[in-house]
Amino acid sequence: MPLRCLLFSSNEEMVQPIWQVLADLGIEGEYCRSAVDAVERVTTQLFQIVVTDWEDQPEAAFLLKTARDLKAAQRPLILAIVSDDARLPEALRAGANSVLVKPIRVEQVRDTMSTACELLRSKLQPAGPPPQIG
């Protein structure tokens, strides 16, 4: 089952490199320009990753809080897109697991998303039998 990502931003141009990386990594993506749509989707569908543009306040903070308030089994990994170092601690304090820094670079998105995918897939894998000793 492929990982699913919800991407919220009012800036369509900034979304393009992120969308490219999602496709390259085989992640199913859904893009919302509207916070109302994004909140509705995150509460009615299962996403393993939510990316929110921290510049879209207060909507980005509300989406992040909504995603954090989901039951543990449904709670996605949350990435906030920040424009400068001053916004980074604010996004992390609000509950973002990690950040993408503007200007968005494909290499940065690929590294961050690859790490997120590895983490999520390891959590989704059923535990194997204990190793044999002896």
Foldseek 3Di string as FASTA:
>chain_A
DAAEEEEEALDPVQCVLLVVLCVVVVYHYDYDPDLVVLLVCLVPDAHQEYEYEPVPPPSRLVSQVSLVPDPPVRRHQYEYEEADPVCQVVVVVSPHPYYAYPPHDNVSSNVVVVVSVVVVVVVVDDDDDDDDDD
